[in-house]
Amino acid sequence: MAEYLVLIYENEESWAKADAETFGQMMAGHQAFGEKNAAALRGGNALEPSSTATSLRRNASGEFVVTDGPFAETKEQIGGYYLINAADLDEALAVAKQIPAKFGGVEVRPVREMH
């Protein structure tokens, strides 16, 4: 078994405009996803909006520069993640396809094993 990180990208503006029913459907979808895939799940969380992010970069002198906001400013931001176990990428993709992402999509990346 290998571990995969599934990053959930969503359009934050769309969620900010969503009504309570849409939010409730999303929460129910994640609850159902968790119950159906409990054996594969190793962890996961929702994230606060990208406006709460703080990014660190090194400048040309090697010093850290701290800025408010996400590392990359894009229309869709990382809204949460799941860490899953799967036999291979195909199995990881099958699990990831079940994740509710009404205003975006997901990215599946293998976790690097450090030996």
PDB file of N, CA and C in Angstrom:
ATOM      1  N   MET A   1       0.847  -1.191   0.000  1.00  0.00           N
ATOM      2  CA  MET A   1       0.000   0.000   0.000  1.00  0.00           C
ATOM      3  C   MET A   1       0.886   1.246   0.000  1.00  0.00           C
ATOM      4  N   ALA A   2       0.420   2.246  -0.671  1.00  0.00           N
ATOM      5  CA  ALA A   2       1.115   3.529  -0.731  1.00  0.00           C
ATOM      6  C   ALA A   2       0.186   4.610  -0.199  1.00  0.00           C
ATOM      7  N   GLU A   3       0.775   5.720   0.224  1.00  0.00           N
ATOM      8  CA  GLU A   3      -0.029   6.858   0.672  1.00  0.00           C
ATOM      9  C   GLU A   3      -0.118   7.881  -0.448  1.00  0.00           C
ATOM     10  N   TYR A   4      -1.287   8.503  -0.531  1.00  0.00           N
ATOM     11  CA  TYR A   4      -1.544   9.560  -1.505  1.00  0.00           C
ATOM     12  C   TYR A   4      -2.187  10.727  -0.777  1.00  0.00           C
ATOM     13  N   LEU A   5      -1.753  11.926  -1.129  1.00  0.00           N
ATOM     14  CA  LEU A   5      -2.382  13.130  -0.615  1.00  0.00           C
ATOM     15  C   LEU A   5      -3.339  13.628  -1.683  1.00  0.00           C
ATOM     16  N   VAL A   6      -4.589  13.810  -1.308  1.00  0.00           N
ATOM     17  CA  VAL A   6      -5.591  14.320  -2.232  1.00  0.00           C
ATOM     18  C   VAL A   6      -5.908  15.750  -1.807  1.00  0.00           C
ATOM     19  N   LEU A   7      -5.495  16.704  -2.630  1.00  0.00           N
ATOM     20  CA  LEU A   7      -5.719  18.123  -2.353  1.00  0.00           C
ATOM     21  C   LEU A   7      -7.027  18.544  -3.003  1.00  0.00           C
ATOM     22  N   ILE A   8      -7.863  19.205  -2.245  1.00  0.00           N
ATOM     23  CA  ILE A   8      -9.167  19.635  -2.740  1.00  0.00           C
ATOM     24  C   ILE A   8      -9.085  21.120  -3.075  1.00  0.00           C
ATOM     25  N   TYR A   9      -9.240  21.427  -4.349  1.00  0.00           N
ATOM     26  CA  TYR A   9      -9.205  22.811  -4.816  1.00  0.00           C
ATOM     27  C   TYR A   9     -10.621  23.281  -5.075  1.00  0.00           C
ATOM     28  N   GLU A  10     -10.958  24.439  -4.551  1.00  0.00           N
ATOM     29  CA  GLU A  10     -12.298  24.995  -4.741  1.00  0.00           C
ATOM     30  C   GLU A  10     -12.196  26.490  -5.021  1.00  0.00           C
ATOM     31  N   ASN A  11     -13.225  27.012  -5.646  1.00  0.00           N
ATOM     32  CA  ASN A  11     -13.338  28.434  -5.878  1.00  0.00           C
ATOM     33  C   ASN A  11     -13.950  29.054  -4.619  1.00  0.00           C
ATOM     34  N   GLU A  12     -13.128  29.754  -3.852  1.00  0.00           N
ATOM     35  CA  GLU A  12     -13.589  30.316  -2.577  1.00  0.00           C
ATOM     36  C   GLU A  12     -14.710  31.336  -2.759  1.00  0.00           C
ATOM     37  N   GLU A  13     -14.675  32.078  -3.831  1.00  0.00           N
ATOM     38  CA  GLU A  13     -15.723  33.077  -4.080  1.00  0.00           C
ATOM     39  C   GLU A  13     -17.082  32.392  -4.239  1.00  0.00           C
ATOM     40  N   SER A  14     -17.097  31.261  -4.931  1.00  0.00           N
ATOM     41  CA  SER A  14     -18.347  30.518  -5.102  1.00  0.00           C
ATOM     42  C   SER A  14     -18.860  30.014  -3.758  1.00  0.00           C
ATOM     43  N   TRP A  15     -17.962  29.533  -2.901  1.00  0.00           N
ATOM     44  CA  TRP A  15     -18.405  29.065  -1.581  1.00  0.00           C
ATOM     45  C   TRP A  15     -18.896  30.218  -0.719  1.00  0.00           C
ATOM     46  N   ALA A  16     -18.266  31.382  -0.854  1.00  0.00           N
ATOM     47  CA  ALA A  16     -18.696  32.537  -0.067  1.00  0.00           C
ATOM     48  C   ALA A  16     -20.120  32.954  -0.432  1.00  0.00           C
ATOM     49  N   LYS A  17     -20.524  32.695  -1.670  1.00  0.00           N
ATOM     50  CA  LYS A  17     -21.865  33.048  -2.136  1.00  0.00           C
ATOM     51  C   LYS A  17     -22.871  31.911  -1.973  1.00  0.00           C
ATOM     52  N   ALA A  18     -22.399  30.723  -1.605  1.00  0.00           N
ATOM     53  CA  ALA A  18     -23.279  29.551  -1.507  1.00  0.00           C
ATOM     54  C   ALA A  18     -24.246  29.686  -0.336  1.00  0.00           C
ATOM     55  N   ASP A  19     -25.425  29.131  -0.501  1.00  0.00           N
ATOM     56  CA  ASP A  19     -26.417  29.175   0.576  1.00  0.00           C
ATOM     57  C   ASP A  19     -26.207  28.010   1.549  1.00  0.00           C
ATOM     58  N   ALA A  20     -26.954  28.029   2.624  1.00  0.00           N
ATOM     59  CA  ALA A  20     -26.824  27.016   3.674  1.00  0.00           C
ATOM     60  C   ALA A  20     -27.123  25.617   3.141  1.00  0.00           C
ATOM     61  N   GLU A  21     -28.056  25.514   2.213  1.00  0.00           N
ATOM     62  CA  GLU A  21     -28.396  24.198   1.661  1.00  0.00           C
ATOM     63  C   GLU A  21     -27.216  23.607   0.892  1.00  0.00           C
ATOM     64  N   THR A  22     -26.552  24.431   0.104  1.00  0.00           N
ATOM     65  CA  THR A  22     -25.387  23.971  -0.660  1.00  0.00           C
ATOM     66  C   THR A  22     -24.279  23.541   0.292  1.00  0.00           C
ATOM     67  N   PHE A  23     -24.044  24.337   1.326  1.00  0.00           N
ATOM     68  CA  PHE A  23     -23.017  23.993   2.311  1.00  0.00           C
ATOM     69  C   PHE A  23     -23.381  22.681   3.015  1.00  0.00           C
ATOM     70  N   GLY A  24     -24.630  22.523   3.380  1.00  0.00           N
ATOM     71  CA  GLY A  24     -25.080  21.296   4.036  1.00  0.00           C
ATOM     72  C   GLY A  24     -24.907  20.077   3.149  1.00  0.00           C
ATOM     73  N   GLN A  25     -25.190  20.230   1.857  1.00  0.00           N
ATOM     74  CA  GLN A  25     -24.995  19.121   0.914  1.00  0.00           C
ATOM     75  C   GLN A  25     -23.521  18.741   0.819  1.00  0.00           C
ATOM     76  N   MET A  26     -22.645  19.742   0.815  1.00  0.00           N
ATOM     77  CA  MET A  26     -21.213  19.473   0.758  1.00  0.00           C
ATOM     78  C   MET A  26     -20.758  18.736   2.013  1.00  0.00           C
ATOM     79  N   MET A  27     -21.212  19.188   3.167  1.00  0.00           N
ATOM     80  CA  MET A  27     -20.829  18.529   4.417  1.00  0.00           C
ATOM     81  C   MET A  27     -21.348  17.094   4.450  1.00  0.00           C
ATOM     82  N   ALA A  28     -22.572  16.883   4.012  1.00  0.00           N
ATOM     83  CA  ALA A  28     -23.133  15.531   3.960  1.00  0.00           C
ATOM     84  C   ALA A  28     -22.340  14.668   2.984  1.00  0.00           C
ATOM     85  N   GLY A  29     -21.923  15.250   1.888  1.00  0.00           N
ATOM     86  CA  GLY A  29     -21.110  14.518   0.923  1.00  0.00           C
ATOM     87  C   GLY A  29     -19.780  14.077   1.494  1.00  0.00           C
ATOM     88  N   HIS A  30     -19.137  14.957   2.252  1.00  0.00           N
ATOM     89  CA  HIS A  30     -17.862  14.585   2.879  1.00  0.00           C
ATOM     90  C   HIS A  30     -18.080  13.535   3.968  1.00  0.00           C
ATOM     91  N   GLN A  31     -19.169  13.643   4.704  1.00  0.00           N
ATOM     92  CA  GLN A  31     -19.488  12.642   5.730  1.00  0.00           C
ATOM     93  C   GLN A  31     -19.677  11.272   5.073  1.00  0.00           C
ATOM     94  N   ALA A  32     -20.439  11.234   3.989  1.00  0.00           N
ATOM     95  CA  ALA A  32     -20.669   9.969   3.275  1.00  0.00           C
ATOM     96  C   ALA A  32     -19.365   9.430   2.690  1.00  0.00           C
ATOM     97  N   PHE A  33     -18.541  10.326   2.137  1.00  0.00           N
ATOM     98  CA  PHE A  33     -17.249   9.914   1.605  1.00  0.00           C
ATOM     99  C   PHE A  33     -16.400   9.266   2.696  1.00  0.00           C
ATOM    100  N   GLY A  34     -16.351   9.906   3.870  1.00  0.00           N
ATOM    101  CA  GLY A  34     -15.566   9.379   4.981  1.00  0.00           C
ATOM    102  C   GLY A  34     -16.051   8.024   5.445  1.00  0.00           C
ATOM    103  N   GLU A  35     -17.358   7.861   5.517  1.00  0.00           N
ATOM    104  CA  GLU A  35     -17.914   6.578   5.952  1.00  0.00           C
ATOM    105  C   GLU A  35     -17.628   5.481   4.928  1.00  0.00           C
ATOM    106  N   LYS A  36     -17.790   5.784   3.661  1.00  0.00           N
ATOM    107  CA  LYS A  36     -17.588   4.791   2.609  1.00  0.00           C
ATOM    108  C   LYS A  36     -16.125   4.399   2.456  1.00  0.00           C
ATOM    109  N   ASN A  37     -15.217   5.327   2.736  1.00  0.00           N
ATOM    110  CA  ASN A  37     -13.786   5.106   2.502  1.00  0.00           C
ATOM    111  C   ASN A  37     -12.960   5.073   3.784  1.00  0.00           C
ATOM    112  N   ALA A  38     -13.596   4.754   4.900  1.00  0.00           N
ATOM    113  CA  ALA A  38     -12.916   4.775   6.201  1.00  0.00           C
ATOM    114  C   ALA A  38     -11.646   3.929   6.207  1.00  0.00           C
ATOM    115  N   ALA A  39     -11.661   2.789   5.542  1.00  0.00           N
ATOM    116  CA  ALA A  39     -10.490   1.905   5.550  1.00  0.00           C
ATOM    117  C   ALA A  39      -9.290   2.531   4.847  1.00  0.00           C
ATOM    118  N   ALA A  40      -9.531   3.394   3.879  1.00  0.00           N
ATOM    119  CA  ALA A  40      -8.439   4.012   3.119  1.00  0.00           C
ATOM    120  C   ALA A  40      -7.962   5.318   3.735  1.00  0.00           C
ATOM    121  N   LEU A  41      -8.798   5.965   4.534  1.00  0.00           N
ATOM    122  CA  LEU A  41      -8.459   7.290   5.065  1.00  0.00           C
ATOM    123  C   LEU A  41      -7.445   7.212   6.188  1.00  0.00           C
ATOM    124  N   ARG A  42      -6.436   8.063   6.099  1.00  0.00           N
ATOM    125  CA  ARG A  42      -5.419   8.177   7.147  1.00  0.00           C
ATOM    126  C   ARG A  42      -5.492   9.533   7.836  1.00  0.00           C
ATOM    127  N   GLY A  43      -6.258  10.448   7.269  1.00  0.00           N
ATOM    128  CA  GLY A  43      -6.416  11.768   7.859  1.00  0.00           C
ATOM    129  C   GLY A  43      -7.000  12.723   6.848  1.00  0.00           C
ATOM    130  N   GLY A  44      -7.280  13.918   7.298  1.00  0.00           N
ATOM    131  CA  GLY A  44      -7.806  14.950   6.423  1.00  0.00           C
ATOM    132  C   GLY A  44      -8.380  16.082   7.242  1.00  0.00           C
ATOM    133  N   ASN A  45      -8.488  17.223   6.614  1.00  0.00           N
ATOM    134  CA  ASN A  45      -9.049  18.397   7.264  1.00  0.00           C
ATOM    135  C   ASN A  45      -9.492  19.412   6.237  1.00  0.00           C
ATOM    136  N   ALA A  46     -10.417  20.242   6.648  1.00  0.00           N
ATOM    137  CA  ALA A  46     -10.770  21.430   5.880  1.00  0.00           C
ATOM    138  C   ALA A  46      -9.818  22.534   6.309  1.00  0.00           C
ATOM    139  N   LEU A  47      -9.545  23.457   5.416  1.00  0.00           N
ATOM    140  CA  LEU A  47      -8.654  24.575   5.718  1.00  0.00           C
ATOM    141  C   LEU A  47      -9.436  25.877   5.767  1.00  0.00           C
ATOM    142  N   GLU A  48      -8.938  26.814   6.537  1.00  0.00           N
ATOM    143  CA  GLU A  48      -9.506  28.152   6.563  1.00  0.00           C
ATOM    144  C   GLU A  48      -9.277  28.792   5.195  1.00  0.00           C
ATOM    145  N   PRO A  49     -10.007  29.849   4.843  1.00  0.00           N
ATOM    146  CA  PRO A  49      -9.838  30.492   3.529  1.00  0.00           C
ATOM    147  C   PRO A  49      -8.400  30.948   3.284  1.00  0.00           C
ATOM    148  N   SER A  50      -8.042  31.057   2.010  1.00  0.00           N
ATOM    149  CA  SER A  50      -6.674  31.442   1.645  1.00  0.00           C
ATOM    150  C   SER A  50      -6.319  32.839   2.157  1.00  0.00           C
ATOM    151  N   SER A  51      -7.316  33.658   2.466  1.00  0.00           N
ATOM    152  CA  SER A  51      -7.036  34.994   3.008  1.00  0.00           C
ATOM    153  C   SER A  51      -6.371  34.910   4.376  1.00  0.00           C
ATOM    154  N   THR A  52      -6.432  33.759   5.033  1.00  0.00           N
ATOM    155  CA  THR A  52      -5.800  33.584   6.339  1.00  0.00           C
ATOM    156  C   THR A  52      -4.391  33.008   6.219  1.00  0.00           C
ATOM    157  N   ALA A  53      -3.959  32.696   4.999  1.00  0.00           N
ATOM    158  CA  ALA A  53      -2.648  32.079   4.791  1.00  0.00           C
ATOM    159  C   ALA A  53      -1.521  33.079   4.979  1.00  0.00           C
ATOM    160  N   THR A  54      -0.385  32.571   5.380  1.00  0.00           N
ATOM    161  CA  THR A  54       0.854  33.334   5.449  1.00  0.00           C
ATOM    162  C   THR A  54       1.899  32.530   4.692  1.00  0.00           C
ATOM    163  N   SER A  55       2.581  33.161   3.756  1.00  0.00           N
ATOM    164  CA  SER A  55       3.555  32.466   2.924  1.00  0.00           C
ATOM    165  C   SER A  55       4.973  32.894   3.270  1.00  0.00           C
ATOM    166  N   LEU A  56       5.871  31.943   3.212  1.00  0.00           N
ATOM    167  CA  LEU A  56       7.296  32.190   3.452  1.00  0.00           C
ATOM    168  C   LEU A  56       8.065  31.868   2.176  1.00  0.00           C
ATOM    169  N   ARG A  57       8.908  32.798   1.766  1.00  0.00           N
ATOM    170  CA  ARG A  57       9.788  32.580   0.609  1.00  0.00           C
ATOM    171  C   ARG A  57      11.159  33.106   0.985  1.00  0.00           C
ATOM    172  N   ARG A  58      12.170  32.540   0.370  1.00  0.00           N
ATOM    173  CA  ARG A  58      13.519  33.074   0.560  1.00  0.00           C
ATOM    174  C   ARG A  58      13.820  34.079  -0.550  1.00  0.00           C
ATOM    175  N   ASN A  59      14.434  35.196  -0.182  1.00  0.00           N
ATOM    176  CA  ASN A  59      14.832  36.169  -1.194  1.00  0.00           C
ATOM    177  C   ASN A  59      16.216  35.800  -1.732  1.00  0.00           C
ATOM    178  N   ALA A  60      16.761  36.620  -2.586  1.00  0.00           N
ATOM    179  CA  ALA A  60      18.058  36.338  -3.210  1.00  0.00           C
ATOM    180  C   ALA A  60      19.189  36.221  -2.189  1.00  0.00           C
ATOM    181  N   SER A  61      19.023  36.844  -1.028  1.00  0.00           N
ATOM    182  CA  SER A  61      20.043  36.779   0.026  1.00  0.00           C
ATOM    183  C   SER A  61      19.854  35.563   0.931  1.00  0.00           C
ATOM    184  N   GLY A  62      18.812  34.797   0.689  1.00  0.00           N
ATOM    185  CA  GLY A  62      18.568  33.616   1.511  1.00  0.00           C
ATOM    186  C   GLY A  62      17.755  33.895   2.757  1.00  0.00           C
ATOM    187  N   GLU A  63      17.302  35.139   2.920  1.00  0.00           N
ATOM    188  CA  GLU A  63      16.488  35.494   4.078  1.00  0.00           C
ATOM    189  C   GLU A  63      15.025  35.231   3.773  1.00  0.00           C
ATOM    190  N   PHE A  64      14.274  34.921   4.828  1.00  0.00           N
ATOM    191  CA  PHE A  64      12.849  34.686   4.646  1.00  0.00           C
ATOM    192  C   PHE A  64      12.091  35.992   4.481  1.00  0.00           C
ATOM    193  N   VAL A  65      11.169  35.986   3.556  1.00  0.00           N
ATOM    194  CA  VAL A  65      10.237  37.090   3.368  1.00  0.00           C
ATOM    195  C   VAL A  65       8.850  36.524   3.688  1.00  0.00           C
ATOM    196  N   VAL A  66       8.170  37.168   4.611  1.00  0.00           N
ATOM    197  CA  VAL A  66       6.845  36.717   5.041  1.00  0.00           C
ATOM    198  C   VAL A  66       5.798  37.615   4.397  1.00  0.00           C
ATOM    199  N   THR A  67       4.831  36.999   3.720  1.00  0.00           N
ATOM    200  CA  THR A  67       3.755  37.769   3.101  1.00  0.00           C
ATOM    201  C   THR A  67       2.406  37.173   3.489  1.00  0.00           C
ATOM    202  N   ASP A  68       1.412  38.036   3.561  1.00  0.00           N
ATOM    203  CA  ASP A  68       0.043  37.580   3.811  1.00  0.00           C
ATOM    204  C   ASP A  68      -0.523  37.010   2.523  1.00  0.00           C
ATOM    205  N   GLY A  69      -1.275  35.928   2.644  1.00  0.00           N
ATOM    206  CA  GLY A  69      -1.934  35.337   1.488  1.00  0.00           C
ATOM    207  C   GLY A  69      -1.320  34.012   1.084  1.00  0.00           C
ATOM    208  N   PRO A  70      -1.955  33.351   0.133  1.00  0.00           N
ATOM    209  CA  PRO A  70      -1.497  32.033  -0.301  1.00  0.00           C
ATOM    210  C   PRO A  70      -0.200  32.116  -1.096  1.00  0.00           C
ATOM    211  N   PHE A  71       0.491  31.000  -1.200  1.00  0.00           N
ATOM    212  CA  PHE A  71       1.747  30.927  -1.949  1.00  0.00           C
ATOM    213  C   PHE A  71       1.507  31.277  -3.417  1.00  0.00           C
ATOM    214  N   ALA A  72       0.439  30.744  -3.971  1.00  0.00           N
ATOM    215  CA  ALA A  72       0.069  31.052  -5.356  1.00  0.00           C
ATOM    216  C   ALA A  72      -1.333  31.644  -5.358  1.00  0.00           C
ATOM    217  N   GLU A  73      -1.486  32.754  -6.030  1.00  0.00           N
ATOM    218  CA  GLU A  73      -2.808  33.371  -6.132  1.00  0.00           C
ATOM    219  C   GLU A  73      -3.465  32.893  -7.415  1.00  0.00           C
ATOM    220  N   THR A  74      -4.463  32.044  -7.236  1.00  0.00           N
ATOM    221  CA  THR A  74      -5.195  31.489  -8.367  1.00  0.00           C
ATOM    222  C   THR A  74      -6.682  31.562  -8.068  1.00  0.00           C
ATOM    223  N   LYS A  75      -7.497  31.303  -9.069  1.00  0.00           N
ATOM    224  CA  LYS A  75      -8.949  31.331  -8.884  1.00  0.00           C
ATOM    225  C   LYS A  75      -9.393  30.271  -7.882  1.00  0.00           C
ATOM    226  N   GLU A  76      -8.782  29.078  -7.977  1.00  0.00           N
ATOM    227  CA  GLU A  76      -9.125  27.995  -7.055  1.00  0.00           C
ATOM    228  C   GLU A  76      -7.989  27.813  -6.056  1.00  0.00           C
ATOM    229  N   GLN A  77      -8.346  27.651  -4.798  1.00  0.00           N
ATOM    230  CA  GLN A  77      -7.377  27.497  -3.719  1.00  0.00           C
ATOM    231  C   GLN A  77      -7.586  26.156  -3.022  1.00  0.00           C
ATOM    232  N   ILE A  78      -6.562  25.707  -2.319  1.00  0.00           N
ATOM    233  CA  ILE A  78      -6.683  24.467  -1.557  1.00  0.00           C
ATOM    234  C   ILE A  78      -7.621  24.723  -0.386  1.00  0.00           C
ATOM    235  N   GLY A  79      -8.706  23.969  -0.344  1.00  0.00           N
ATOM    236  CA  GLY A  79      -9.698  24.135   0.711  1.00  0.00           C
ATOM    237  C   GLY A  79      -9.643  23.023   1.744  1.00  0.00           C
ATOM    238  N   GLY A  80      -8.916  21.965   1.439  1.00  0.00           N
ATOM    239  CA  GLY A  80      -8.802  20.845   2.362  1.00  0.00           C
ATOM    240  C   GLY A  80      -8.041  19.715   1.712  1.00  0.00           C
ATOM    241  N   TYR A  81      -7.926  18.626   2.444  1.00  0.00           N
ATOM    242  CA  TYR A  81      -7.153  17.491   1.934  1.00  0.00           C
ATOM    243  C   TYR A  81      -7.574  16.209   2.640  1.00  0.00           C
ATOM    244  N   TYR A  82      -7.265  15.109   1.997  1.00  0.00           N
ATOM    245  CA  TYR A  82      -7.360  13.785   2.598  1.00  0.00           C
ATOM    246  C   TYR A  82      -6.037  13.076   2.362  1.00  0.00           C
ATOM    247  N   LEU A  83      -5.591  12.323   3.331  1.00  0.00           N
ATOM    248  CA  LEU A  83      -4.457  11.433   3.186  1.00  0.00           C
ATOM    249  C   LEU A  83      -5.041  10.032   3.130  1.00  0.00           C
ATOM    250  N   ILE A  84      -4.761   9.315   2.038  1.00  0.00           N
ATOM    251  CA  ILE A  84      -5.364   7.993   1.862  1.00  0.00           C
ATOM    252  C   ILE A  84      -4.296   6.938   1.611  1.00  0.00           C
ATOM    253  N   ASN A  85      -4.637   5.699   1.891  1.00  0.00           N
ATOM    254  CA  ASN A  85      -3.835   4.539   1.520  1.00  0.00           C
ATOM    255  C   ASN A  85      -4.500   3.898   0.328  1.00  0.00           C
ATOM    256  N   ALA A  86      -3.717   3.505  -0.658  1.00  0.00           N
ATOM    257  CA  ALA A  86      -4.256   2.830  -1.832  1.00  0.00           C
ATOM    258  C   ALA A  86      -3.184   1.904  -2.391  1.00  0.00           C
ATOM    259  N   ALA A  87      -3.624   0.838  -3.047  1.00  0.00           N
ATOM    260  CA  ALA A  87      -2.693  -0.125  -3.624  1.00  0.00           C
ATOM    261  C   ALA A  87      -1.869   0.496  -4.750  1.00  0.00           C
ATOM    262  N   ASP A  88      -2.486   1.414  -5.509  1.00  0.00           N
ATOM    263  CA  ASP A  88      -1.805   2.039  -6.636  1.00  0.00           C
ATOM    264  C   ASP A  88      -2.559   3.320  -7.019  1.00  0.00           C
ATOM    265  N   LEU A  89      -2.055   4.003  -8.029  1.00  0.00           N
ATOM    266  CA  LEU A  89      -2.667   5.258  -8.451  1.00  0.00           C
ATOM    267  C   LEU A  89      -4.102   5.055  -8.910  1.00  0.00           C
ATOM    268  N   ASP A  90      -4.377   3.973  -9.623  1.00  0.00           N
ATOM    269  CA  ASP A  90      -5.744   3.738 -10.086  1.00  0.00           C
ATOM    270  C   ASP A  90      -6.717   3.648  -8.921  1.00  0.00           C
ATOM    271  N   GLU A  91      -6.312   2.957  -7.864  1.00  0.00           N
ATOM    272  CA  GLU A  91      -7.181   2.854  -6.688  1.00  0.00           C
ATOM    273  C   GLU A  91      -7.319   4.213  -6.011  1.00  0.00           C
ATOM    274  N   ALA A  92      -6.227   4.973  -5.938  1.00  0.00           N
ATOM    275  CA  ALA A  92      -6.279   6.313  -5.335  1.00  0.00           C
ATOM    276  C   ALA A  92      -7.213   7.222  -6.129  1.00  0.00           C
ATOM    277  N   LEU A  93      -7.166   7.128  -7.454  1.00  0.00           N
ATOM    278  CA  LEU A  93      -8.049   7.945  -8.289  1.00  0.00           C
ATOM    279  C   LEU A  93      -9.509   7.550  -8.099  1.00  0.00           C
ATOM    280  N   ALA A  94      -9.759   6.265  -7.931  1.00  0.00           N
ATOM    281  CA  ALA A  94     -11.132   5.801  -7.702  1.00  0.00           C
ATOM    282  C   ALA A  94     -11.685   6.382  -6.407  1.00  0.00           C
ATOM    283  N   VAL A  95     -10.856   6.467  -5.386  1.00  0.00           N
ATOM    284  CA  VAL A  95     -11.278   7.069  -4.118  1.00  0.00           C
ATOM    285  C   VAL A  95     -11.480   8.572  -4.312  1.00  0.00           C
ATOM    286  N   ALA A  96     -10.523   9.226  -4.957  1.00  0.00           N
ATOM    287  CA  ALA A  96     -10.564  10.682  -5.131  1.00  0.00           C
ATOM    288  C   ALA A  96     -11.776  11.140  -5.939  1.00  0.00           C
ATOM    289  N   LYS A  97     -12.225  10.324  -6.872  1.00  0.00           N
ATOM    290  CA  LYS A  97     -13.389  10.690  -7.695  1.00  0.00           C
ATOM    291  C   LYS A  97     -14.655  10.835  -6.859  1.00  0.00           C
ATOM    292  N   GLN A  98     -14.660  10.292  -5.661  1.00  0.00           N
ATOM    293  CA  GLN A  98     -15.837  10.340  -4.798  1.00  0.00           C
ATOM    294  C   GLN A  98     -15.893  11.596  -3.929  1.00  0.00           C
ATOM    295  N   ILE A  99     -14.829  12.372  -3.910  1.00  0.00           N
ATOM    296  CA  ILE A  99     -14.754  13.549  -3.043  1.00  0.00           C
ATOM    297  C   ILE A  99     -15.617  14.666  -3.620  1.00  0.00           C
ATOM    298  N   PRO A 100     -16.537  15.198  -2.813  1.00  0.00           N
ATOM    299  CA  PRO A 100     -17.353  16.302  -3.315  1.00  0.00           C
ATOM    300  C   PRO A 100     -16.510  17.573  -3.459  1.00  0.00           C
ATOM    301  N   ALA A 101     -16.471  18.095  -4.663  1.00  0.00           N
ATOM    302  CA  ALA A 101     -15.750  19.342  -4.941  1.00  0.00           C
ATOM    303  C   ALA A 101     -16.602  20.139  -5.923  1.00  0.00           C
ATOM    304  N   LYS A 102     -17.702  20.666  -5.425  1.00  0.00           N
ATOM    305  CA  LYS A 102     -18.715  21.323  -6.258  1.00  0.00           C
ATOM    306  C   LYS A 102     -18.166  22.475  -7.090  1.00  0.00           C
ATOM    307  N   PHE A 103     -17.234  23.242  -6.531  1.00  0.00           N
ATOM    308  CA  PHE A 103     -16.724  24.418  -7.221  1.00  0.00           C
ATOM    309  C   PHE A 103     -15.254  24.276  -7.603  1.00  0.00           C
ATOM    310  N   GLY A 104     -14.823  23.062  -7.893  1.00  0.00           N
ATOM    311  CA  GLY A 104     -13.415  22.870  -8.241  1.00  0.00           C
ATOM    312  C   GLY A 104     -13.108  21.434  -8.588  1.00  0.00           C
ATOM    313  N   GLY A 105     -12.013  20.927  -8.084  1.00  0.00           N
ATOM    314  CA  GLY A 105     -11.580  19.566  -8.365  1.00  0.00           C
ATOM    315  C   GLY A 105     -10.565  19.126  -7.342  1.00  0.00           C
ATOM    316  N   VAL A 106      -9.959  17.988  -7.606  1.00  0.00           N
ATOM    317  CA  VAL A 106      -8.969  17.448  -6.682  1.00  0.00           C
ATOM    318  C   VAL A 106      -7.680  17.130  -7.426  1.00  0.00           C
ATOM    319  N   GLU A 107      -6.593  17.082  -6.695  1.00  0.00           N
ATOM    320  CA  GLU A 107      -5.283  16.688  -7.206  1.00  0.00           C
ATOM    321  C   GLU A 107      -4.806  15.526  -6.357  1.00  0.00           C
ATOM    322  N   VAL A 108      -4.322  14.468  -6.984  1.00  0.00           N
ATOM    323  CA  VAL A 108      -3.851  13.287  -6.277  1.00  0.00           C
ATOM    324  C   VAL A 108      -2.339  13.202  -6.457  1.00  0.00           C
ATOM    325  N   ARG A 109      -1.623  13.140  -5.334  1.00  0.00           N
ATOM    326  CA  ARG A 109      -0.151  13.069  -5.418  1.00  0.00           C
ATOM    327  C   ARG A 109       0.355  11.991  -4.480  1.00  0.00           C
ATOM    328  N   PRO A 110       1.259  11.140  -4.968  1.00  0.00           N
ATOM    329  CA  PRO A 110       1.838  10.138  -4.090  1.00  0.00           C
ATOM    330  C   PRO A 110       2.698  10.811  -3.023  1.00  0.00           C
ATOM    331  N   VAL A 111       2.666  10.255  -1.833  1.00  0.00           N
ATOM    332  CA  VAL A 111       3.533  10.724  -0.756  1.00  0.00           C
ATOM    333  C   VAL A 111       4.891  10.058  -0.950  1.00  0.00           C
ATOM    334  N   ARG A 112       5.928  10.839  -0.988  1.00  0.00           N
ATOM    335  CA  ARG A 112       7.285  10.317  -1.190  1.00  0.00           C
ATOM    336  C   ARG A 112       7.736   9.561   0.055  1.00  0.00           C
ATOM    337  N   GLU A 113       8.244   8.376  -0.187  1.00  0.00           N
ATOM    338  CA  GLU A 113       8.808   7.591   0.917  1.00  0.00           C
ATOM    339  C   GLU A 113      10.270   7.991   1.071  1.00  0.00           C
ATOM    340  N   MET A 114      10.611   8.411   2.267  1.00  0.00           N
ATOM    341  CA  MET A 114      11.999   8.827   2.539  1.00  0.00           C
ATOM    342  C   MET A 114      12.695   7.679   3.252  1.00  0.00           C
ATOM    343  N   HIS A 115      13.734   7.168   2.619  1.00  0.00           N
ATOM    344  CA  HIS A 115      14.455   6.029   3.218  1.00  0.00           C
ATOM    345  C   HIS A 115      15.783   6.474   3.740  1.00  0.00           C
TER     346      HIS A 115
END
